[in-house]
PDB file of N, CA and C in Angstrom:
ATOM      1  N   MET A   1       0.783  -1.208   0.051  1.00  0.00           N
ATOM      2  CA  MET A   1       0.023   0.013   0.070  1.00  0.00           C
ATOM      3  C   MET A   1       0.976   1.120  -0.080  1.00  0.00           C
ATOM      4  N   SER A   2       0.432   2.220  -0.811  1.00  0.00           N
ATOM      5  CA  SER A   2       1.266   3.483  -0.756  1.00  0.00           C
ATOM      6  C   SER A   2       0.828   4.323   0.409  1.00  0.00           C
ATOM      7  N   VAL A   3       1.590   4.148   1.489  1.00  0.00           N
ATOM      8  CA  VAL A   3       1.275   4.918   2.690  1.00  0.00           C
ATOM      9  C   VAL A   3       1.653   6.423   2.467  1.00  0.00           C
ATOM     10  N   GLU A   4       2.596   6.672   1.648  1.00  0.00           N
ATOM     11  CA  GLU A   4       3.000   8.099   1.129  1.00  0.00           C
ATOM     12  C   GLU A   4       1.906   8.852   0.554  1.00  0.00           C
ATOM     13  N   LYS A   5       1.116   8.181  -0.309  1.00  0.00           N
ATOM     14  CA  LYS A   5      -0.092   8.714  -1.035  1.00  0.00           C
ATOM     15  C   LYS A   5      -1.061   9.064   0.078  1.00  0.00           C
ATOM     16  N   ILE A   6      -1.306   8.285   0.969  1.00  0.00           N
ATOM     17  CA  ILE A   6      -2.422   8.524   2.034  1.00  0.00           C
ATOM     18  C   ILE A   6      -1.894   9.692   2.882  1.00  0.00           C
ATOM     19  N   LEU A   7      -0.601   9.795   3.357  1.00  0.00           N
ATOM     20  CA  LEU A   7      -0.187  10.696   4.207  1.00  0.00           C
ATOM     21  C   LEU A   7      -0.048  12.072   3.406  1.00  0.00           C
ATOM     22  N   GLN A   8       0.058  12.154   2.127  1.00  0.00           N
ATOM     23  CA  GLN A   8       0.053  13.468   1.476  1.00  0.00           C
ATOM     24  C   GLN A   8      -1.254  13.951   1.353  1.00  0.00           C
ATOM     25  N   LEU A   9      -2.257  13.141   1.240  1.00  0.00           N
ATOM     26  CA  LEU A   9      -3.711  13.337   1.041  1.00  0.00           C
ATOM     27  C   LEU A   9      -4.247  14.038   2.421  1.00  0.00           C
ATOM     28  N   ILE A  10      -3.795  13.363   3.477  1.00  0.00           N
ATOM     29  CA  ILE A  10      -4.105  13.908   4.951  1.00  0.00           C
ATOM     30  C   ILE A  10      -3.435  15.184   5.111  1.00  0.00           C
ATOM     31  N   GLN A  11      -2.213  15.307   4.825  1.00  0.00           N
ATOM     32  CA  GLN A  11      -1.400  16.675   4.890  1.00  0.00           C
ATOM     33  C   GLN A  11      -2.128  17.717   4.347  1.00  0.00           C
ATOM     34  N   LYS A  12      -2.621  17.482   3.126  1.00  0.00           N
ATOM     35  CA  LYS A  12      -3.307  18.665   2.265  1.00  0.00           C
ATOM     36  C   LYS A  12      -4.640  19.080   2.938  1.00  0.00           C
ATOM     37  N   GLN A  13      -5.085  18.031   3.777  1.00  0.00           N
ATOM     38  CA  GLN A  13      -6.376  18.520   4.425  1.00  0.00           C
ATOM     39  C   GLN A  13      -6.132  18.595   5.999  1.00  0.00           C
ATOM     40  N   LYS A  14      -5.038  18.975   6.418  1.00  0.00           N
ATOM     41  CA  LYS A  14      -4.700  18.899   7.866  1.00  0.00           C
ATOM     42  C   LYS A  14      -5.527  19.714   8.739  1.00  0.00           C
ATOM     43  N   ASP A  15      -6.114  20.800   8.199  1.00  0.00           N
ATOM     44  CA  ASP A  15      -7.087  21.750   8.971  1.00  0.00           C
ATOM     45  C   ASP A  15      -8.254  21.041   9.315  1.00  0.00           C
ATOM     46  N   ASP A  16      -8.661  20.148   8.450  1.00  0.00           N
ATOM     47  CA  ASP A  16      -9.956  19.399   8.649  1.00  0.00           C
ATOM     48  C   ASP A  16      -9.888  17.852   8.310  1.00  0.00           C
ATOM     49  N   PHE A  17      -9.360  17.182   9.351  1.00  0.00           N
ATOM     50  CA  PHE A  17      -9.106  15.655   9.066  1.00  0.00           C
ATOM     51  C   PHE A  17     -10.369  15.006   8.507  1.00  0.00           C
ATOM     52  N   TYR A  18     -11.482  15.339   8.944  1.00  0.00           N
ATOM     53  CA  TYR A  18     -12.706  14.613   8.296  1.00  0.00           C
ATOM     54  C   TYR A  18     -12.915  14.938   6.840  1.00  0.00           C
ATOM     55  N   SER A  19     -12.561  16.027   6.406  1.00  0.00           N
ATOM     56  CA  SER A  19     -12.674  16.222   4.811  1.00  0.00           C
ATOM     57  C   SER A  19     -11.957  15.440   4.126  1.00  0.00           C
ATOM     58  N   ALA A  20     -10.754  14.865   4.636  1.00  0.00           N
ATOM     59  CA  ALA A  20      -9.763  14.069   3.868  1.00  0.00           C
ATOM     60  C   ALA A  20     -10.315  12.566   3.870  1.00  0.00           C
ATOM     61  N   LEU A  21     -11.225  11.977   4.803  1.00  0.00           N
ATOM     62  CA  LEU A  21     -11.521  10.791   4.942  1.00  0.00           C
ATOM     63  C   LEU A  21     -12.161  10.013   3.865  1.00  0.00           C
ATOM     64  N   PRO A  22     -13.069  10.693   2.895  1.00  0.00           N
ATOM     65  CA  PRO A  22     -13.630   9.906   1.824  1.00  0.00           C
ATOM     66  C   PRO A  22     -12.579   9.589   0.876  1.00  0.00           C
ATOM     67  N   GLU A  23     -11.735  10.510   0.458  1.00  0.00           N
ATOM     68  CA  GLU A  23     -10.590  10.134  -0.418  1.00  0.00           C
ATOM     69  C   GLU A  23      -9.546   9.110   0.224  1.00  0.00           C
ATOM     70  N   VAL A  24      -9.179   9.273   1.448  1.00  0.00           N
ATOM     71  CA  VAL A  24      -8.452   8.320   2.138  1.00  0.00           C
ATOM     72  C   VAL A  24      -8.925   6.826   2.113  1.00  0.00           C
ATOM     73  N   LEU A  25     -10.348   6.680   2.378  1.00  0.00           N
ATOM     74  CA  LEU A  25     -10.986   5.433   2.221  1.00  0.00           C
ATOM     75  C   LEU A  25     -10.916   4.980   0.620  1.00  0.00           C
ATOM     76  N   LYS A  26     -11.220   5.663  -0.237  1.00  0.00           N
ATOM     77  CA  LYS A  26     -11.165   5.263  -1.658  1.00  0.00           C
ATOM     78  C   LYS A  26      -9.729   4.846  -1.914  1.00  0.00           C
ATOM     79  N   LEU A  27      -8.781   5.484  -1.583  1.00  0.00           N
ATOM     80  CA  LEU A  27      -7.423   5.148  -1.942  1.00  0.00           C
ATOM     81  C   LEU A  27      -7.036   3.861  -1.145  1.00  0.00           C
ATOM     82  N   LEU A  28      -7.444   3.670   0.151  1.00  0.00           N
ATOM     83  CA  LEU A  28      -7.315   2.436   0.790  1.00  0.00           C
ATOM     84  C   LEU A  28      -7.856   1.307   0.029  1.00  0.00           C
ATOM     85  N   CYS A  29      -9.010   1.414  -0.433  1.00  0.00           N
ATOM     86  CA  CYS A  29      -9.603   0.335  -1.284  1.00  0.00           C
ATOM     87  C   CYS A  29      -8.746   0.109  -2.434  1.00  0.00           C
ATOM     88  N   ILE A  30      -8.435   1.107  -3.255  1.00  0.00           N
ATOM     89  CA  ILE A  30      -7.652   0.919  -4.303  1.00  0.00           C
ATOM     90  C   ILE A  30      -6.404   0.258  -4.045  1.00  0.00           C
ATOM     91  N   GLU A  31      -5.672   0.620  -3.152  1.00  0.00           N
ATOM     92  CA  GLU A  31      -4.415   0.020  -2.741  1.00  0.00           C
ATOM     93  C   GLU A  31      -4.431  -1.314  -2.222  1.00  0.00           C
ATOM     94  N   THR A  32      -5.568  -1.778  -1.568  1.00  0.00           N
ATOM     95  CA  THR A  32      -5.642  -2.991  -0.953  1.00  0.00           C
ATOM     96  C   THR A  32      -6.616  -3.938  -1.607  1.00  0.00           C
ATOM     97  N   SER A  33      -7.087  -3.504  -2.750  1.00  0.00           N
ATOM     98  CA  SER A  33      -8.178  -4.179  -3.647  1.00  0.00           C
ATOM     99  C   SER A  33      -9.396  -4.630  -2.765  1.00  0.00           C
ATOM    100  N   ALA A  34      -9.704  -3.763  -1.664  1.00  0.00           N
ATOM    101  CA  ALA A  34     -10.858  -4.165  -0.892  1.00  0.00           C
ATOM    102  C   ALA A  34     -12.016  -3.602  -1.566  1.00  0.00           C
ATOM    103  N   SER A  35     -13.175  -4.153  -1.361  1.00  0.00           N
ATOM    104  CA  SER A  35     -14.486  -3.833  -1.932  1.00  0.00           C
ATOM    105  C   SER A  35     -15.187  -2.615  -1.142  1.00  0.00           C
ATOM    106  N   ARG A  36     -14.750  -2.498   0.132  1.00  0.00           N
ATOM    107  CA  ARG A  36     -15.423  -1.510   1.117  1.00  0.00           C
ATOM    108  C   ARG A  36     -14.407  -1.218   2.040  1.00  0.00           C
ATOM    109  N   CYS A  37     -14.408   0.214   2.344  1.00  0.00           N
ATOM    110  CA  CYS A  37     -13.635   0.589   3.566  1.00  0.00           C
ATOM    111  C   CYS A  37     -14.412   1.563   4.443  1.00  0.00           C
ATOM    112  N   ASN A  38     -14.337   1.310   5.650  1.00  0.00           N
ATOM    113  CA  ASN A  38     -15.191   2.179   6.581  1.00  0.00           C
ATOM    114  C   ASN A  38     -14.440   2.992   7.665  1.00  0.00           C
ATOM    115  N   PHE A  39     -14.973   4.026   8.108  1.00  0.00           N
ATOM    116  CA  PHE A  39     -14.404   4.745   9.138  1.00  0.00           C
ATOM    117  C   PHE A  39     -15.358   4.957  10.366  1.00  0.00           C
ATOM    118  N   TRP A  40     -14.993   4.570  11.401  1.00  0.00           N
ATOM    119  CA  TRP A  40     -15.879   4.623  12.675  1.00  0.00           C
ATOM    120  C   TRP A  40     -15.261   5.355  13.818  1.00  0.00           C
ATOM    121  N   TYR A  41     -16.055   6.050  14.622  1.00  0.00           N
ATOM    122  CA  TYR A  41     -15.719   6.611  15.704  1.00  0.00           C
ATOM    123  C   TYR A  41     -16.353   5.912  16.962  1.00  0.00           C
ATOM    124  N   VAL A  42     -15.624   5.888  18.095  1.00  0.00           N
ATOM    125  CA  VAL A  42     -16.021   5.229  19.342  1.00  0.00           C
ATOM    126  C   VAL A  42     -16.665   6.250  20.340  1.00  0.00           C
ATOM    127  N   LYS A  43     -17.679   5.978  20.719  1.00  0.00           N
ATOM    128  CA  LYS A  43     -18.504   6.793  21.729  1.00  0.00           C
ATOM    129  C   LYS A  43     -19.358   5.798  22.609  1.00  0.00           C
ATOM    130  N   ASN A  44     -19.128   6.029  24.093  1.00  0.00           N
ATOM    131  CA  ASN A  44     -19.977   5.388  25.127  1.00  0.00           C
ATOM    132  C   ASN A  44     -20.052   3.724  24.747  1.00  0.00           C
ATOM    133  N   GLY A  45     -18.958   3.091  24.175  1.00  0.00           N
ATOM    134  CA  GLY A  45     -18.927   1.718  24.040  1.00  0.00           C
ATOM    135  C   GLY A  45     -19.464   1.182  22.856  1.00  0.00           C
ATOM    136  N   PHE A  46     -19.732   2.186  21.750  1.00  0.00           N
ATOM    137  CA  PHE A  46     -20.303   1.805  20.631  1.00  0.00           C
ATOM    138  C   PHE A  46     -19.395   2.501  19.502  1.00  0.00           C
ATOM    139  N   LEU A  47     -19.376   1.657  18.256  1.00  0.00           N
ATOM    140  CA  LEU A  47     -18.794   2.096  16.938  1.00  0.00           C
ATOM    141  C   LEU A  47     -19.891   2.748  16.385  1.00  0.00           C
ATOM    142  N   TYR A  48     -19.633   4.039  15.860  1.00  0.00           N
ATOM    143  CA  TYR A  48     -20.557   4.755  14.986  1.00  0.00           C
ATOM    144  C   TYR A  48     -19.999   4.908  13.613  1.00  0.00           C
ATOM    145  N   PRO A  49     -20.562   4.736  12.527  1.00  0.00           N
ATOM    146  CA  PRO A  49     -20.083   4.765  11.171  1.00  0.00           C
ATOM    147  C   PRO A  49     -20.165   6.412  10.844  1.00  0.00           C
ATOM    148  N   VAL A  50     -18.931   6.733  10.130  1.00  0.00           N
ATOM    149  CA  VAL A  50     -18.736   8.044   9.707  1.00  0.00           C
ATOM    150  C   VAL A  50     -18.919   8.100   8.279  1.00  0.00           C
ATOM    151  N   TYR A  51     -17.828   7.257   7.568  1.00  0.00           N
ATOM    152  CA  TYR A  51     -17.885   7.228   6.196  1.00  0.00           C
ATOM    153  C   TYR A  51     -17.777   5.770   5.881  1.00  0.00           C
ATOM    154  N   ASN A  52     -18.269   5.482   4.708  1.00  0.00           N
ATOM    155  CA  ASN A  52     -18.172   4.090   4.112  1.00  0.00           C
ATOM    156  C   ASN A  52     -17.966   4.323   2.518  1.00  0.00           C
ATOM    157  N   TYR A  53     -16.813   3.861   1.964  1.00  0.00           N
ATOM    158  CA  TYR A  53     -16.600   3.897   0.608  1.00  0.00           C
ATOM    159  C   TYR A  53     -16.822   2.508   0.050  1.00  0.00           C
ATOM    160  N   ASP A  54     -17.726   2.405  -0.827  1.00  0.00           N
ATOM    161  CA  ASP A  54     -18.171   1.207  -1.725  1.00  0.00           C
ATOM    162  C   ASP A  54     -17.581   1.248  -3.101  1.00  0.00           C
ATOM    163  N   VAL A  55     -16.717   0.425  -3.374  1.00  0.00           N
ATOM    164  CA  VAL A  55     -16.110   0.414  -4.653  1.00  0.00           C
ATOM    165  C   VAL A  55     -16.998   0.098  -5.824  1.00  0.00           C
ATOM    166  N   GLY A  56     -17.961  -0.948  -5.657  1.00  0.00           N
ATOM    167  CA  GLY A  56     -19.061  -1.310  -6.619  1.00  0.00           C
ATOM    168  C   GLY A  56     -19.853  -0.050  -7.078  1.00  0.00           C
ATOM    169  N   LYS A  57     -20.159   0.788  -6.049  1.00  0.00           N
ATOM    170  CA  LYS A  57     -21.205   2.014  -6.430  1.00  0.00           C
ATOM    171  C   LYS A  57     -20.267   3.227  -6.544  1.00  0.00           C
ATOM    172  N   ASP A  58     -18.935   3.101  -6.281  1.00  0.00           N
ATOM    173  CA  ASP A  58     -18.043   4.365  -6.425  1.00  0.00           C
ATOM    174  C   ASP A  58     -18.773   5.509  -5.661  1.00  0.00           C
ATOM    175  N   ASP A  59     -19.152   5.102  -4.361  1.00  0.00           N
ATOM    176  CA  ASP A  59     -19.860   6.158  -3.664  1.00  0.00           C
ATOM    177  C   ASP A  59     -19.591   6.082  -2.157  1.00  0.00           C
ATOM    178  N   PHE A  60     -19.662   7.195  -1.475  1.00  0.00           N
ATOM    179  CA  PHE A  60     -19.456   7.226   0.018  1.00  0.00           C
ATOM    180  C   PHE A  60     -20.938   7.315   0.594  1.00  0.00           C
ATOM    181  N   THR A  61     -21.071   6.618   1.654  1.00  0.00           N
ATOM    182  CA  THR A  61     -22.467   6.558   2.272  1.00  0.00           C
ATOM    183  C   THR A  61     -22.195   5.794   3.579  1.00  0.00           C
ATOM    184  N   SER A  62     -23.275   6.267   4.525  1.00  0.00           N
ATOM    185  CA  SER A  62     -23.382   5.622   5.815  1.00  0.00           C
ATOM    186  C   SER A  62     -24.635   4.842   5.814  1.00  0.00           C
ATOM    187  N   GLU A  63     -25.345   4.761   4.711  1.00  0.00           N
ATOM    188  CA  GLU A  63     -26.479   4.038   4.474  1.00  0.00           C
ATOM    189  C   GLU A  63     -26.387   2.612   4.854  1.00  0.00           C
ATOM    190  N   ASN A  64     -27.406   2.006   5.573  1.00  0.00           N
ATOM    191  CA  ASN A  64     -27.447   0.712   6.164  1.00  0.00           C
ATOM    192  C   ASN A  64     -26.317   0.305   6.979  1.00  0.00           C
ATOM    193  N   LEU A  65     -25.575   1.419   7.477  1.00  0.00           N
ATOM    194  CA  LEU A  65     -24.592   1.012   8.583  1.00  0.00           C
ATOM    195  C   LEU A  65     -25.129   1.502   9.896  1.00  0.00           C
ATOM    196  N   GLN A  66     -25.032   0.494  10.908  1.00  0.00           N
ATOM    197  CA  GLN A  66     -25.541   0.884  12.183  1.00  0.00           C
ATOM    198  C   GLN A  66     -24.346   0.757  13.256  1.00  0.00           C
ATOM    199  N   ALA A  67     -24.601   1.523  14.399  1.00  0.00           N
ATOM    200  CA  ALA A  67     -23.748   1.500  15.468  1.00  0.00           C
ATOM    201  C   ALA A  67     -23.635   0.013  15.883  1.00  0.00           C
ATOM    202  N   ILE A  68     -22.303  -0.248  16.323  1.00  0.00           N
ATOM    203  CA  ILE A  68     -22.099  -1.639  16.745  1.00  0.00           C
ATOM    204  C   ILE A  68     -21.626  -1.483  18.240  1.00  0.00           C
ATOM    205  N   ASP A  69     -22.187  -2.412  19.103  1.00  0.00           N
ATOM    206  CA  ASP A  69     -21.679  -2.443  20.502  1.00  0.00           C
ATOM    207  C   ASP A  69     -20.320  -3.218  20.585  1.00  0.00           C
ATOM    208  N   ILE A  70     -19.296  -2.453  21.038  1.00  0.00           N
ATOM    209  CA  ILE A  70     -17.992  -2.896  21.194  1.00  0.00           C
ATOM    210  C   ILE A  70     -17.935  -4.239  21.809  1.00  0.00           C
ATOM    211  N   ASN A  71     -18.640  -4.476  22.812  1.00  0.00           N
ATOM    212  CA  ASN A  71     -18.704  -5.667  23.571  1.00  0.00           C
ATOM    213  C   ASN A  71     -19.185  -6.940  22.695  1.00  0.00           C
ATOM    214  N   CYS A  72     -19.781  -6.573  21.593  1.00  0.00           N
ATOM    215  CA  CYS A  72     -20.057  -7.805  20.638  1.00  0.00           C
ATOM    216  C   CYS A  72     -18.976  -8.186  19.820  1.00  0.00           C
ATOM    217  N   ILE A  73     -17.868  -7.602  19.729  1.00  0.00           N
ATOM    218  CA  ILE A  73     -16.798  -7.732  18.924  1.00  0.00           C
ATOM    219  C   ILE A  73     -15.815  -8.730  19.636  1.00  0.00           C
ATOM    220  N   SER A  74     -15.258  -9.650  18.976  1.00  0.00           N
ATOM    221  CA  SER A  74     -14.472 -10.623  19.509  1.00  0.00           C
ATOM    222  C   SER A  74     -13.197  -9.829  19.945  1.00  0.00           C
ATOM    223  N   LYS A  75     -12.504 -10.369  20.992  1.00  0.00           N
ATOM    224  CA  LYS A  75     -11.363  -9.833  21.364  1.00  0.00           C
ATOM    225  C   LYS A  75     -10.322  -9.542  20.414  1.00  0.00           C
ATOM    226  N   TYR A  76     -10.143 -10.480  19.336  1.00  0.00           N
ATOM    227  CA  TYR A  76      -9.043 -10.340  18.398  1.00  0.00           C
ATOM    228  C   TYR A  76      -9.269  -9.079  17.643  1.00  0.00           C
ATOM    229  N   TYR A  77     -10.653  -8.745  17.221  1.00  0.00           N
ATOM    230  CA  TYR A  77     -10.772  -7.623  16.542  1.00  0.00           C
ATOM    231  C   TYR A  77     -10.748  -6.307  17.187  1.00  0.00           C
ATOM    232  N   LYS A  78     -10.920  -6.348  18.574  1.00  0.00           N
ATOM    233  CA  LYS A  78     -10.806  -5.259  19.336  1.00  0.00           C
ATOM    234  C   LYS A  78      -9.102  -4.799  19.367  1.00  0.00           C
ATOM    235  N   LEU A  79      -8.295  -5.847  19.565  1.00  0.00           N
ATOM    236  CA  LEU A  79      -6.937  -5.486  19.676  1.00  0.00           C
ATOM    237  C   LEU A  79      -6.343  -5.060  18.419  1.00  0.00           C
ATOM    238  N   GLU A  80      -6.846  -5.514  17.296  1.00  0.00           N
ATOM    239  CA  GLU A  80      -6.508  -5.015  15.787  1.00  0.00           C
ATOM    240  C   GLU A  80      -7.120  -3.639  15.591  1.00  0.00           C
ATOM    241  N   ALA A  81      -8.236  -3.390  16.085  1.00  0.00           N
ATOM    242  CA  ALA A  81      -8.857  -2.030  15.624  1.00  0.00           C
ATOM    243  C   ALA A  81      -8.365  -0.943  16.658  1.00  0.00           C
ATOM    244  N   PHE A  82      -7.979  -1.258  17.933  1.00  0.00           N
ATOM    245  CA  PHE A  82      -7.727  -0.315  18.838  1.00  0.00           C
ATOM    246  C   PHE A  82      -6.281  -0.577  19.384  1.00  0.00           C
TER     247      PHE A  82
END
């Protein structure tokens, strides 16, 4: 994966991190051949969707994404995600 590309994109948007997220997610999908990439934030023990990039639709959406209780995620995923 081209970390340099991602860092450059974030650096361009350093004043507003969230404005860079859609393009970062798209670039992550391209670089990793993933079909979707999501960005979530943690609040009160839940993960809340902020952005979702779907390669098939070439679109950013939070449609059909729901908050996830962190306690429902296996310990392996908790360690990898946090």
